[in-house]
Amino acid sequence: MKTALMVLLAIASIVIIASVLLQSSNSSGLSGSIAGGAEQLFGKKKSRGYDALLEKITIVAAVLFMILSLVIVAFFNN
């Protein structure tokens, strides 16, 4: 069981890395983060499309990663 959980944890981490790397950037460096911060915070978000799908995949994989990490530490701490 521990091996299966570790494999799932590795898969979740690979999915997180891939989905973050495939997402498009929202700003152009430091100047974009200062000038466009309010626009990103209060502006319209893309509700559909490739970026929205990658964002949802990232969130699900991150939650799965955290849960699996806690389960592995709690049950198999020797």
PDB file of N, CA and C in Angstrom:
ATOM      1  N   MET A   1       0.823  -1.185   0.000  1.00  0.00           N
ATOM      2  CA  MET A   1       0.000   0.000   0.000  1.00  0.00           C
ATOM      3  C   MET A   1       0.872   1.256   0.000  1.00  0.00           C
ATOM      4  N   LYS A   2       1.971   1.201   0.742  1.00  0.00           N
ATOM      5  CA  LYS A   2       2.856   2.356   0.791  1.00  0.00           C
ATOM      6  C   LYS A   2       3.445   2.643  -0.587  1.00  0.00           C
ATOM      7  N   THR A   3       3.783   1.598  -1.312  1.00  0.00           N
ATOM      8  CA  THR A   3       4.344   1.785  -2.647  1.00  0.00           C
ATOM      9  C   THR A   3       3.325   2.406  -3.591  1.00  0.00           C
ATOM     10  N   ALA A   4       2.085   1.979  -3.503  1.00  0.00           N
ATOM     11  CA  ALA A   4       1.035   2.539  -4.361  1.00  0.00           C
ATOM     12  C   ALA A   4       0.823   4.020  -4.061  1.00  0.00           C
ATOM     13  N   LEU A   5       0.828   4.393  -2.779  1.00  0.00           N
ATOM     14  CA  LEU A   5       0.672   5.791  -2.417  1.00  0.00           C
ATOM     15  C   LEU A   5       1.864   6.627  -2.883  1.00  0.00           C
ATOM     16  N   MET A   6       3.055   6.064  -2.793  1.00  0.00           N
ATOM     17  CA  MET A   6       4.235   6.775  -3.262  1.00  0.00           C
ATOM     18  C   MET A   6       4.202   6.976  -4.778  1.00  0.00           C
ATOM     19  N   VAL A   7       3.722   5.983  -5.508  1.00  0.00           N
ATOM     20  CA  VAL A   7       3.598   6.120  -6.959  1.00  0.00           C
ATOM     21  C   VAL A   7       2.569   7.197  -7.302  1.00  0.00           C
ATOM     22  N   LEU A   8       1.440   7.214  -6.591  1.00  0.00           N
ATOM     23  CA  LEU A   8       0.432   8.250  -6.819  1.00  0.00           C
ATOM     24  C   LEU A   8       0.976   9.637  -6.489  1.00  0.00           C
ATOM     25  N   LEU A   9       1.788   9.722  -5.453  1.00  0.00           N
ATOM     26  CA  LEU A   9       2.408  10.991  -5.087  1.00  0.00           C
ATOM     27  C   LEU A   9       3.366  11.460  -6.181  1.00  0.00           C
ATOM     28  N   ALA A  10       4.136  10.552  -6.737  1.00  0.00           N
ATOM     29  CA  ALA A  10       5.056  10.905  -7.822  1.00  0.00           C
ATOM     30  C   ALA A  10       4.291  11.356  -9.065  1.00  0.00           C
ATOM     31  N   ILE A  11       3.197  10.671  -9.371  1.00  0.00           N
ATOM     32  CA  ILE A  11       2.385  11.060 -10.529  1.00  0.00           C
ATOM     33  C   ILE A  11       1.764  12.434 -10.311  1.00  0.00           C
ATOM     34  N   ALA A  12       1.271  12.691  -9.104  1.00  0.00           N
ATOM     35  CA  ALA A  12       0.688  13.998  -8.801  1.00  0.00           C
ATOM     36  C   ALA A  12       1.730  15.102  -8.929  1.00  0.00           C
ATOM     37  N   SER A  13       2.943  14.844  -8.478  1.00  0.00           N
ATOM     38  CA  SER A  13       3.980  15.866  -8.575  1.00  0.00           C
ATOM     39  C   SER A  13       4.372  16.132 -10.025  1.00  0.00           C
ATOM     40  N   ILE A  14       4.417  15.098 -10.843  1.00  0.00           N
ATOM     41  CA  ILE A  14       4.729  15.275 -12.265  1.00  0.00           C
ATOM     42  C   ILE A  14       3.617  16.055 -12.962  1.00  0.00           C
ATOM     43  N   VAL A  15       2.373  15.780 -12.603  1.00  0.00           N
ATOM     44  CA  VAL A  15       1.241  16.512 -13.187  1.00  0.00           C
ATOM     45  C   VAL A  15       1.295  17.981 -12.784  1.00  0.00           C
ATOM     46  N   ILE A  16       1.628  18.272 -11.538  1.00  0.00           N
ATOM     47  CA  ILE A  16       1.748  19.669 -11.094  1.00  0.00           C
ATOM     48  C   ILE A  16       2.839  20.385 -11.883  1.00  0.00           C
ATOM     49  N   ILE A  17       3.989  19.762 -12.004  1.00  0.00           N
ATOM     50  CA  ILE A  17       5.098  20.386 -12.729  1.00  0.00           C
ATOM     51  C   ILE A  17       4.719  20.645 -14.176  1.00  0.00           C
ATOM     52  N   ALA A  18       4.138  19.654 -14.833  1.00  0.00           N
ATOM     53  CA  ALA A  18       3.779  19.800 -16.244  1.00  0.00           C
ATOM     54  C   ALA A  18       2.698  20.855 -16.450  1.00  0.00           C
ATOM     55  N   SER A  19       1.688  20.862 -15.594  1.00  0.00           N
ATOM     56  CA  SER A  19       0.601  21.819 -15.784  1.00  0.00           C
ATOM     57  C   SER A  19       1.047  23.251 -15.503  1.00  0.00           C
ATOM     58  N   VAL A  20       1.949  23.441 -14.560  1.00  0.00           N
ATOM     59  CA  VAL A  20       2.459  24.787 -14.294  1.00  0.00           C
ATOM     60  C   VAL A  20       3.344  25.259 -15.447  1.00  0.00           C
ATOM     61  N   LEU A  21       4.159  24.375 -15.974  1.00  0.00           N
ATOM     62  CA  LEU A  21       5.030  24.764 -17.081  1.00  0.00           C
ATOM     63  C   LEU A  21       4.256  25.041 -18.361  1.00  0.00           C
ATOM     64  N   LEU A  22       3.127  24.401 -18.562  1.00  0.00           N
ATOM     65  CA  LEU A  22       2.344  24.598 -19.778  1.00  0.00           C
ATOM     66  C   LEU A  22       1.450  25.828 -19.731  1.00  0.00           C
ATOM     67  N   GLN A  23       1.239  26.399 -18.556  1.00  0.00           N
ATOM     68  CA  GLN A  23       0.384  27.575 -18.449  1.00  0.00           C
ATOM     69  C   GLN A  23       1.092  28.792 -19.031  1.00  0.00           C
ATOM     70  N   SER A  24       0.298  29.675 -19.637  1.00  0.00           N
ATOM     71  CA  SER A  24       0.876  30.904 -20.179  1.00  0.00           C
ATOM     72  C   SER A  24       1.055  31.912 -19.047  1.00  0.00           C
ATOM     73  N   SER A  25       2.068  32.762 -19.201  1.00  0.00           N
ATOM     74  CA  SER A  25       2.329  33.745 -18.157  1.00  0.00           C
ATOM     75  C   SER A  25       1.337  34.893 -18.269  1.00  0.00           C
ATOM     76  N   ASN A  26       1.031  35.516 -17.143  1.00  0.00           N
ATOM     77  CA  ASN A  26       0.050  36.594 -17.114  1.00  0.00           C
ATOM     78  C   ASN A  26       0.689  37.973 -17.145  1.00  0.00           C
ATOM     79  N   SER A  27       1.962  38.087 -16.840  1.00  0.00           N
ATOM     80  CA  SER A  27       2.598  39.398 -16.798  1.00  0.00           C
ATOM     81  C   SER A  27       3.960  39.319 -17.467  1.00  0.00           C
ATOM     82  N   SER A  28       4.525  40.481 -17.695  1.00  0.00           N
ATOM     83  CA  SER A  28       5.835  40.541 -18.337  1.00  0.00           C
ATOM     84  C   SER A  28       6.878  41.012 -17.329  1.00  0.00           C
ATOM     85  N   GLY A  29       7.257  40.159 -16.464  1.00  0.00           N
ATOM     86  CA  GLY A  29       8.311  40.454 -15.516  1.00  0.00           C
ATOM     87  C   GLY A  29       7.857  41.293 -14.344  1.00  0.00           C
ATOM     88  N   LEU A  30       8.812  41.999 -13.745  1.00  0.00           N
ATOM     89  CA  LEU A  30       8.541  42.781 -12.546  1.00  0.00           C
ATOM     90  C   LEU A  30       7.632  43.969 -12.837  1.00  0.00           C
ATOM     91  N   SER A  31       7.824  44.626 -13.970  1.00  0.00           N
ATOM     92  CA  SER A  31       6.982  45.775 -14.298  1.00  0.00           C
ATOM     93  C   SER A  31       5.537  45.357 -14.506  1.00  0.00           C
ATOM     94  N   GLY A  32       5.321  44.194 -15.059  1.00  0.00           N
ATOM     95  CA  GLY A  32       3.955  43.703 -15.239  1.00  0.00           C
ATOM     96  C   GLY A  32       3.294  43.344 -13.939  1.00  0.00           C
ATOM     97  N   SER A  33       4.071  42.880 -12.988  1.00  0.00           N
ATOM     98  CA  SER A  33       3.474  42.528 -11.700  1.00  0.00           C
ATOM     99  C   SER A  33       3.110  43.765 -10.890  1.00  0.00           C
ATOM    100  N   ILE A  34       3.858  44.852 -11.063  1.00  0.00           N
ATOM    101  CA  ILE A  34       3.544  46.085 -10.344  1.00  0.00           C
ATOM    102  C   ILE A  34       2.396  46.818 -11.023  1.00  0.00           C
ATOM    103  N   ALA A  35       2.504  47.002 -12.319  1.00  0.00           N
ATOM    104  CA  ALA A  35       1.505  47.790 -13.046  1.00  0.00           C
ATOM    105  C   ALA A  35       0.215  47.013 -13.278  1.00  0.00           C
ATOM    106  N   GLY A  36       0.317  45.736 -13.535  1.00  0.00           N
ATOM    107  CA  GLY A  36      -0.869  44.975 -13.889  1.00  0.00           C
ATOM    108  C   GLY A  36      -1.446  44.147 -12.771  1.00  0.00           C
ATOM    109  N   GLY A  37      -0.997  44.392 -11.550  1.00  0.00           N
ATOM    110  CA  GLY A  37      -1.484  43.593 -10.425  1.00  0.00           C
ATOM    111  C   GLY A  37      -2.956  43.776 -10.166  1.00  0.00           C
ATOM    112  N   ALA A  38      -3.411  45.010 -10.212  1.00  0.00           N
ATOM    113  CA  ALA A  38      -4.830  45.272  -9.968  1.00  0.00           C
ATOM    114  C   ALA A  38      -5.680  44.726 -11.099  1.00  0.00           C
ATOM    115  N   GLU A  39      -5.173  44.819 -12.313  1.00  0.00           N
ATOM    116  CA  GLU A  39      -5.929  44.297 -13.455  1.00  0.00           C
ATOM    117  C   GLU A  39      -6.093  42.786 -13.353  1.00  0.00           C
ATOM    118  N   GLN A  40      -5.053  42.088 -12.917  1.00  0.00           N
ATOM    119  CA  GLN A  40      -5.137  40.647 -12.766  1.00  0.00           C
ATOM    120  C   GLN A  40      -6.038  40.275 -11.605  1.00  0.00           C
ATOM    121  N   LEU A  41      -6.020  41.090 -10.560  1.00  0.00           N
ATOM    122  CA  LEU A  41      -6.806  40.781  -9.376  1.00  0.00           C
ATOM    123  C   LEU A  41      -8.285  41.032  -9.621  1.00  0.00           C
ATOM    124  N   PHE A  42      -8.604  42.159 -10.260  1.00  0.00           N
ATOM    125  CA  PHE A  42      -9.998  42.536 -10.442  1.00  0.00           C
ATOM    126  C   PHE A  42     -10.488  42.367 -11.875  1.00  0.00           C
ATOM    127  N   GLY A  43      -9.602  42.027 -12.784  1.00  0.00           N
ATOM    128  CA  GLY A  43      -9.982  41.909 -14.187  1.00  0.00           C
ATOM    129  C   GLY A  43     -10.734  40.627 -14.469  1.00  0.00           C
ATOM    130  N   LYS A  44     -11.128  40.509 -15.729  1.00  0.00           N
ATOM    131  CA  LYS A  44     -11.871  39.318 -16.133  1.00  0.00           C
ATOM    132  C   LYS A  44     -10.912  38.146 -16.274  1.00  0.00           C
ATOM    133  N   LYS A  45     -11.334  37.014 -15.788  1.00  0.00           N
ATOM    134  CA  LYS A  45     -10.552  35.796 -15.936  1.00  0.00           C
ATOM    135  C   LYS A  45     -11.098  35.002 -17.110  1.00  0.00           C
ATOM    136  N   LYS A  46     -10.231  34.245 -17.710  1.00  0.00           N
ATOM    137  CA  LYS A  46     -10.676  33.366 -18.782  1.00  0.00           C
ATOM    138  C   LYS A  46     -11.450  32.221 -18.156  1.00  0.00           C
ATOM    139  N   SER A  47     -12.703  32.112 -18.498  1.00  0.00           N
ATOM    140  CA  SER A  47     -13.517  31.081 -17.876  1.00  0.00           C
ATOM    141  C   SER A  47     -13.473  29.779 -18.664  1.00  0.00           C
ATOM    142  N   ARG A  48     -13.026  29.855 -19.892  1.00  0.00           N
ATOM    143  CA  ARG A  48     -12.958  28.656 -20.715  1.00  0.00           C
ATOM    144  C   ARG A  48     -11.602  28.575 -21.387  1.00  0.00           C
ATOM    145  N   GLY A  49     -11.370  27.446 -21.956  1.00  0.00           N
ATOM    146  CA  GLY A  49     -10.168  27.317 -22.752  1.00  0.00           C
ATOM    147  C   GLY A  49      -9.082  26.510 -22.091  1.00  0.00           C
ATOM    148  N   TYR A  50      -7.966  26.565 -22.768  1.00  0.00           N
ATOM    149  CA  TYR A  50      -6.804  25.769 -22.397  1.00  0.00           C
ATOM    150  C   TYR A  50      -6.247  26.189 -21.041  1.00  0.00           C
ATOM    151  N   ASP A  51      -6.132  27.489 -20.818  1.00  0.00           N
ATOM    152  CA  ASP A  51      -5.572  27.972 -19.542  1.00  0.00           C
ATOM    153  C   ASP A  51      -6.464  27.623 -18.358  1.00  0.00           C
ATOM    154  N   ALA A  52      -7.772  27.692 -18.550  1.00  0.00           N
ATOM    155  CA  ALA A  52      -8.693  27.341 -17.462  1.00  0.00           C
ATOM    156  C   ALA A  52      -8.590  25.862 -17.127  1.00  0.00           C
ATOM    157  N   LEU A  53      -8.457  25.033 -18.145  1.00  0.00           N
ATOM    158  CA  LEU A  53      -8.304  23.593 -17.922  1.00  0.00           C
ATOM    159  C   LEU A  53      -7.019  23.293 -17.171  1.00  0.00           C
ATOM    160  N   LEU A  54      -5.924  23.940 -17.571  1.00  0.00           N
ATOM    161  CA  LEU A  54      -4.653  23.726 -16.878  1.00  0.00           C
ATOM    162  C   LEU A  54      -4.707  24.220 -15.438  1.00  0.00           C
ATOM    163  N   GLU A  55      -5.432  25.309 -15.217  1.00  0.00           N
ATOM    164  CA  GLU A  55      -5.565  25.819 -13.850  1.00  0.00           C
ATOM    165  C   GLU A  55      -6.321  24.837 -12.963  1.00  0.00           C
ATOM    166  N   LYS A  56      -7.382  24.251 -13.485  1.00  0.00           N
ATOM    167  CA  LYS A  56      -8.152  23.267 -12.717  1.00  0.00           C
ATOM    168  C   LYS A  56      -7.335  22.006 -12.464  1.00  0.00           C
ATOM    169  N   ILE A  57      -6.585  21.571 -13.464  1.00  0.00           N
ATOM    170  CA  ILE A  57      -5.730  20.388 -13.298  1.00  0.00           C
ATOM    171  C   ILE A  57      -4.675  20.655 -12.223  1.00  0.00           C
ATOM    172  N   THR A  58      -4.105  21.849 -12.219  1.00  0.00           N
ATOM    173  CA  THR A  58      -3.097  22.207 -11.225  1.00  0.00           C
ATOM    174  C   THR A  58      -3.679  22.192  -9.818  1.00  0.00           C
ATOM    175  N   ILE A  59      -4.878  22.731  -9.662  1.00  0.00           N
ATOM    176  CA  ILE A  59      -5.511  22.776  -8.338  1.00  0.00           C
ATOM    177  C   ILE A  59      -5.809  21.373  -7.833  1.00  0.00           C
ATOM    178  N   VAL A  60      -6.366  20.532  -8.689  1.00  0.00           N
ATOM    179  CA  VAL A  60      -6.703  19.161  -8.284  1.00  0.00           C
ATOM    180  C   VAL A  60      -5.440  18.376  -7.943  1.00  0.00           C
ATOM    181  N   ALA A  61      -4.407  18.514  -8.757  1.00  0.00           N
ATOM    182  CA  ALA A  61      -3.158  17.795  -8.499  1.00  0.00           C
ATOM    183  C   ALA A  61      -2.489  18.285  -7.219  1.00  0.00           C
ATOM    184  N   ALA A  62      -2.562  19.578  -6.944  1.00  0.00           N
ATOM    185  CA  ALA A  62      -1.956  20.111  -5.720  1.00  0.00           C
ATOM    186  C   ALA A  62      -2.688  19.625  -4.475  1.00  0.00           C
ATOM    187  N   VAL A  63      -4.013  19.598  -4.529  1.00  0.00           N
ATOM    188  CA  VAL A  63      -4.789  19.084  -3.390  1.00  0.00           C
ATOM    189  C   VAL A  63      -4.499  17.601  -3.184  1.00  0.00           C
ATOM    190  N   LEU A  64      -4.451  16.848  -4.266  1.00  0.00           N
ATOM    191  CA  LEU A  64      -4.130  15.423  -4.184  1.00  0.00           C
ATOM    192  C   LEU A  64      -2.733  15.216  -3.613  1.00  0.00           C
ATOM    193  N   PHE A  65      -1.782  16.039  -4.037  1.00  0.00           N
ATOM    194  CA  PHE A  65      -0.414  15.947  -3.530  1.00  0.00           C
ATOM    195  C   PHE A  65      -0.371  16.187  -2.023  1.00  0.00           C
ATOM    196  N   MET A  66      -1.067  17.210  -1.558  1.00  0.00           N
ATOM    197  CA  MET A  66      -1.065  17.515  -0.120  1.00  0.00           C
ATOM    198  C   MET A  66      -1.720  16.396   0.686  1.00  0.00           C
ATOM    199  N   ILE A  67      -2.836  15.896   0.217  1.00  0.00           N
ATOM    200  CA  ILE A  67      -3.534  14.824   0.934  1.00  0.00           C
ATOM    201  C   ILE A  67      -2.689  13.561   0.975  1.00  0.00           C
ATOM    202  N   LEU A  68      -2.114  13.188  -0.163  1.00  0.00           N
ATOM    203  CA  LEU A  68      -1.272  11.988  -0.192  1.00  0.00           C
ATOM    204  C   LEU A  68      -0.044  12.142   0.705  1.00  0.00           C
ATOM    205  N   SER A  69       0.535  13.333   0.726  1.00  0.00           N
ATOM    206  CA  SER A  69       1.702  13.564   1.590  1.00  0.00           C
ATOM    207  C   SER A  69       1.336  13.395   3.057  1.00  0.00           C
ATOM    208  N   LEU A  70       0.211  13.964   3.455  1.00  0.00           N
ATOM    209  CA  LEU A  70      -0.223  13.826   4.848  1.00  0.00           C
ATOM    210  C   LEU A  70      -0.564  12.385   5.207  1.00  0.00           C
ATOM    211  N   VAL A  71      -1.193  11.673   4.288  1.00  0.00           N
ATOM    212  CA  VAL A  71      -1.545  10.262   4.547  1.00  0.00           C
ATOM    213  C   VAL A  71      -0.288   9.420   4.702  1.00  0.00           C
ATOM    214  N   ILE A  72       0.683   9.642   3.831  1.00  0.00           N
ATOM    215  CA  ILE A  72       1.923   8.851   3.905  1.00  0.00           C
ATOM    216  C   ILE A  72       2.660   9.130   5.215  1.00  0.00           C
ATOM    217  N   VAL A  73       2.733  10.387   5.613  1.00  0.00           N
ATOM    218  CA  VAL A  73       3.424  10.729   6.858  1.00  0.00           C
ATOM    219  C   VAL A  73       2.655  10.195   8.072  1.00  0.00           C
ATOM    220  N   ALA A  74       1.347  10.301   8.061  1.00  0.00           N
ATOM    221  CA  ALA A  74       0.561   9.900   9.220  1.00  0.00           C
ATOM    222  C   ALA A  74       0.546   8.386   9.432  1.00  0.00           C
ATOM    223  N   PHE A  75       0.407   7.626   8.361  1.00  0.00           N
ATOM    224  CA  PHE A  75       0.239   6.183   8.520  1.00  0.00           C
ATOM    225  C   PHE A  75       1.530   5.385   8.447  1.00  0.00           C
ATOM    226  N   PHE A  76       2.544   5.941   7.777  1.00  0.00           N
ATOM    227  CA  PHE A  76       3.739   5.146   7.565  1.00  0.00           C
ATOM    228  C   PHE A  76       4.987   5.775   8.155  1.00  0.00           C
ATOM    229  N   ASN A  77       4.817   6.563   9.194  1.00  0.00           N
ATOM    230  CA  ASN A  77       5.955   7.173   9.871  1.00  0.00           C
ATOM    231  C   ASN A  77       6.573   6.156  10.827  1.00  0.00           C
ATOM    232  N   ASN A  78       7.776   5.731  10.492  1.00  0.00           N
ATOM    233  CA  ASN A  78       8.461   4.716  11.319  1.00  0.00           C
ATOM    234  C   ASN A  78       9.535   5.328  12.145  1.00  0.00           C
TER     235      ASN A  78
END
